């Protein structure tokens, strides 16, 4: 086997390479050899894997006739185009019909519990409502309007017991949140002070 060396362009080549280019005649000869490598008589219906060619199927959305290979039909590709597929899917895989349905109860990124109830007046675009809104409405016997906030008294966002929830206006909620934040900081400092006194 030839030893690999680096040429003037920084590429690795065999040691027998002298930097010469192949002549156009030798390139065309090797190309002609490659063209003749196809085995005759194994294409189309002569091939062992022949499944009968394309079949006529109807688009599942608009009913237009299409030509599809049988293998593609089994994969569910019987639509004219992506637009037809999206129109067909619209509204079919929503809520309980969705393959990713997990019972209609999720935890948001902020840590709040959300319930799927698309008919609720405070539902988001995805159809989910915060659970604390539903609990507060049941507790107070009225709808919680958009300008009102539900405050968790103990600061735990997923603790939606009725006794832990208070309905506040925007301004009162801001004050309450600041006071709650200061109380948390006081508790942290008291704990640090107690540890220092115990450990010397």
Protein backbone atom coordinates (compact mmCIF):
# COMPACT_ATOMS: atom_id res chain seq x y z
CA UNK A 1 0.00 0.00 0.00
CA UNK A 2 1.28 3.47 -0.89
CA UNK A 3 2.24 5.84 1.87
CA UNK A 4 0.00 8.91 2.24
CA UNK A 5 1.68 12.29 1.76
CA UNK A 6 0.34 15.85 1.87
CA UNK A 7 0.27 17.73 -1.46
CA UNK A 8 0.74 21.50 -1.99
CA UNK A 9 -3.00 22.11 -1.27
CA UNK A 10 -2.81 20.33 2.12
CA UNK A 11 -4.72 17.24 0.94
CA UNK A 12 -3.59 13.67 1.68
CA UNK A 13 -2.73 11.67 -1.45
CA UNK A 14 -0.94 8.38 -2.13
CA UNK A 15 2.86 8.46 -2.40
CA UNK A 16 2.75 7.43 -6.05
CA UNK A 17 0.78 10.58 -6.97
CA UNK A 18 2.95 12.95 -9.02
CA UNK A 19 0.51 15.81 -9.38
CA UNK A 20 -0.54 14.96 -12.93
CA UNK A 21 -4.12 15.38 -14.13
CA UNK A 22 -5.94 12.61 -15.99
CA UNK A 23 -6.35 13.08 -19.71
CA UNK A 24 -9.90 13.73 -21.05
CA UNK A 25 -9.74 10.43 -22.98
CA UNK A 26 -9.12 8.36 -19.82
CA UNK A 27 -11.94 10.21 -17.99
CA UNK A 28 -14.43 9.51 -20.81
CA UNK A 29 -13.34 5.83 -20.98
CA UNK A 30 -13.97 5.27 -17.26
CA UNK A 31 -17.33 7.07 -17.52
CA UNK A 32 -18.31 4.79 -20.41
CA UNK A 33 -17.37 1.73 -18.33
CA UNK A 34 -19.55 2.93 -15.42
CA UNK A 35 -22.56 3.46 -17.73
CA UNK A 36 -22.42 -0.16 -18.85
CA UNK A 37 -22.47 -1.62 -15.29
CA UNK A 38 -26.30 -1.68 -15.06
CA UNK A 39 -27.63 -5.21 -15.19
CA UNK A 40 -30.09 -5.68 -18.07
CA UNK A 41 -33.59 -7.05 -17.53
CA UNK A 42 -34.16 -6.26 -13.83
CA UNK A 43 -36.12 -3.03 -14.12
CA UNK A 44 -39.87 -2.49 -13.90
CA UNK A 45 -42.00 -5.64 -13.93
CA UNK A 46 -38.87 -7.86 -14.34
CA UNK A 47 -37.60 -6.75 -10.90
CA UNK A 48 -38.17 -9.17 -7.99
CA UNK A 49 -39.47 -6.29 -5.82
CA UNK A 50 -42.07 -5.15 -8.39
CA UNK A 51 -45.35 -4.25 -6.66
CA UNK A 52 -47.40 -3.49 -9.77
CA UNK A 53 -46.50 0.16 -10.34
CA UNK A 54 -48.58 3.15 -9.29
CA UNK A 55 -52.18 2.77 -8.17
CA UNK A 56 -55.04 5.24 -8.42
CA UNK A 57 -56.14 6.62 -5.03
CA UNK A 58 -58.35 9.56 -4.03
CA UNK A 59 -57.15 12.52 -1.96
CA UNK A 60 -58.65 12.15 1.53
CA UNK A 61 -59.52 15.85 1.64
CA UNK A 62 -60.73 16.93 -1.81
CA UNK A 63 -61.36 13.57 -3.56
CA UNK A 64 -59.02 14.27 -6.53
CA UNK A 65 -57.60 11.11 -8.19
CA UNK A 66 -53.85 10.60 -7.63
CA UNK A 67 -51.21 8.11 -8.78
CA UNK A 68 -49.23 6.69 -5.86
CA UNK A 69 -46.90 3.75 -5.33
CA UNK A 70 -48.47 1.11 -3.02
CA UNK A 71 -45.71 1.57 -0.44
CA UNK A 72 -46.54 5.29 -0.15
CA UNK A 73 -50.26 4.59 0.23
CA UNK A 74 -49.65 2.41 3.30
CA UNK A 75 -47.74 5.29 4.89
CA UNK A 76 -50.83 7.52 4.59
CA UNK A 77 -49.62 9.84 1.85
CA UNK A 78 -52.94 10.00 0.01
CA UNK A 79 -53.19 13.79 -0.21
CA UNK A 80 -52.69 16.11 -3.20
CA UNK A 81 -50.26 18.33 -1.31
CA UNK A 82 -49.46 19.65 2.17
CA UNK A 83 -52.24 22.26 1.97
CA UNK A 84 -54.84 19.49 1.50
CA UNK A 85 -53.29 17.49 4.37
CA UNK A 86 -53.39 20.51 6.73
CA UNK A 87 -57.03 21.25 5.83
CA UNK A 88 -57.93 17.61 6.55
CA UNK A 89 -56.06 17.62 9.89
CA UNK A 90 -57.52 20.94 11.06
CA UNK A 91 -59.82 20.31 14.01
CA UNK A 92 -59.38 16.51 13.90
CA UNK A 93 -56.53 16.11 16.40
CA UNK A 94 -57.54 18.68 19.02
CA UNK A 95 -58.20 18.07 22.71
CA UNK A 96 -59.11 14.49 23.58
CA UNK A 97 -58.61 13.40 19.92
CA UNK A 98 -54.96 14.50 19.97
CA UNK A 99 -52.37 11.69 20.11
CA UNK A 100 -50.44 13.74 22.71
CA UNK A 101 -53.49 14.16 25.01
CA UNK A 102 -52.50 13.71 28.67
CA UNK A 103 -55.82 14.04 30.46
CA UNK A 104 -56.25 17.81 30.11
CA UNK A 105 -54.11 18.75 33.12
CA UNK A 106 -50.63 20.22 32.63
CA UNK A 107 -48.10 22.26 34.60
CA UNK A 108 -47.04 25.52 32.91
CA UNK A 109 -43.41 26.75 32.69
CA UNK A 110 -44.13 29.14 35.57
CA UNK A 111 -45.31 26.25 37.79
CA UNK A 112 -49.09 26.87 37.66
CA UNK A 113 -51.52 24.01 36.99
CA UNK A 114 -53.67 24.39 33.86
CA UNK A 115 -56.90 22.56 32.99
CA UNK A 116 -58.24 22.07 29.45
CA UNK A 117 -61.60 23.87 29.26
CA UNK A 118 -61.84 25.69 25.92
CA UNK A 119 -65.38 27.02 26.60
CA UNK A 120 -64.26 29.05 29.65
CA UNK A 121 -64.18 32.87 29.30
CA UNK A 122 -60.56 32.99 30.59
CA UNK A 123 -59.29 30.16 28.36
CA UNK A 124 -56.08 30.80 26.43
CA UNK A 125 -55.69 30.12 22.68
CA UNK A 126 -54.68 26.51 23.39
CA UNK A 127 -57.93 25.98 25.38
CA UNK A 128 -56.30 25.78 28.84
CA UNK A 129 -57.35 27.76 31.95
CA UNK A 130 -55.38 28.17 35.17
CA UNK A 131 -56.77 25.83 37.81
CA UNK A 132 -56.62 28.53 40.52
CA UNK A 133 -59.08 30.63 38.48
CA UNK A 134 -61.58 27.75 38.40
CA UNK A 135 -61.19 27.08 42.14
CA UNK A 136 -61.57 30.78 43.01
CA UNK A 137 -64.71 31.08 40.86
CA UNK A 138 -66.23 28.10 42.69
CA UNK A 139 -65.20 29.57 46.07
CA UNK A 140 -66.62 33.06 45.45
CA UNK A 141 -69.56 31.96 43.27
CA UNK A 142 -68.81 34.41 40.44
CA UNK A 143 -66.60 34.85 37.33
CA UNK A 144 -63.07 36.14 37.88
CA UNK A 145 -62.57 39.04 35.48
CA UNK A 146 -59.34 39.78 33.52
CA UNK A 147 -58.33 42.72 35.77
CA UNK A 148 -58.36 40.52 38.88
CA UNK A 149 -55.56 38.34 40.21
CA UNK A 150 -55.71 35.21 42.31
CA UNK A 151 -52.98 35.26 44.93
CA UNK A 152 -51.59 32.10 46.57
CA UNK A 153 -51.24 32.99 50.27
CA UNK A 154 -48.45 30.50 50.98
CA UNK A 155 -46.59 31.35 47.74
CA UNK A 156 -46.81 27.78 46.39
CA UNK A 157 -48.10 28.09 42.82
CA UNK A 158 -49.61 24.61 42.54
CA UNK A 159 -51.38 24.72 45.93
CA UNK A 160 -54.89 25.52 44.70
CA UNK A 161 -56.88 24.78 47.86
CA UNK A 162 -59.74 27.30 48.29
CA UNK A 163 -58.39 28.49 51.68
CA UNK A 164 -55.03 29.32 50.03
CA UNK A 165 -56.53 31.59 47.33
CA UNK A 166 -57.49 35.28 47.55
CA UNK A 167 -58.87 37.46 44.73
CA UNK A 168 -57.11 40.85 44.49
CA UNK A 169 -57.05 43.85 42.13
CA UNK A 170 -53.86 44.63 40.17
CA UNK A 171 -52.58 47.28 42.61
CA UNK A 172 -53.35 45.20 45.73
CA UNK A 173 -51.73 42.14 44.14
CA UNK A 174 -48.51 44.09 43.46
CA UNK A 175 -48.37 45.29 47.10
CA UNK A 176 -49.18 41.80 48.36
CA UNK A 177 -46.44 40.29 46.20
CA UNK A 178 -43.86 42.78 47.47
CA UNK A 179 -44.85 42.11 51.09
CA UNK A 180 -44.74 38.37 50.49
CA UNK A 181 -41.28 38.69 48.90
CA UNK A 182 -40.00 40.67 51.89
CA UNK A 183 -41.46 38.10 54.31
CA UNK A 184 -39.65 35.33 52.43
CA UNK A 185 -36.38 37.28 52.64
CA UNK A 186 -36.87 37.82 56.39
CA UNK A 187 -37.41 34.06 56.87
CA UNK A 188 -34.20 33.30 54.91
CA UNK A 189 -32.17 35.76 57.00
CA UNK A 190 -33.63 34.37 60.26
CA UNK A 191 -32.64 30.83 59.18
CA UNK A 192 -29.09 31.97 58.32
CA UNK A 193 -28.76 33.76 61.66
CA UNK A 194 -29.99 30.69 63.55
CA UNK A 195 -27.44 28.48 61.73
CA UNK A 196 -24.60 30.87 62.62
CA UNK A 197 -25.61 30.96 66.28
CA UNK A 198 -25.81 27.13 66.42
CA UNK A 199 -22.50 26.46 64.63
CA UNK A 200 -20.57 29.22 66.30
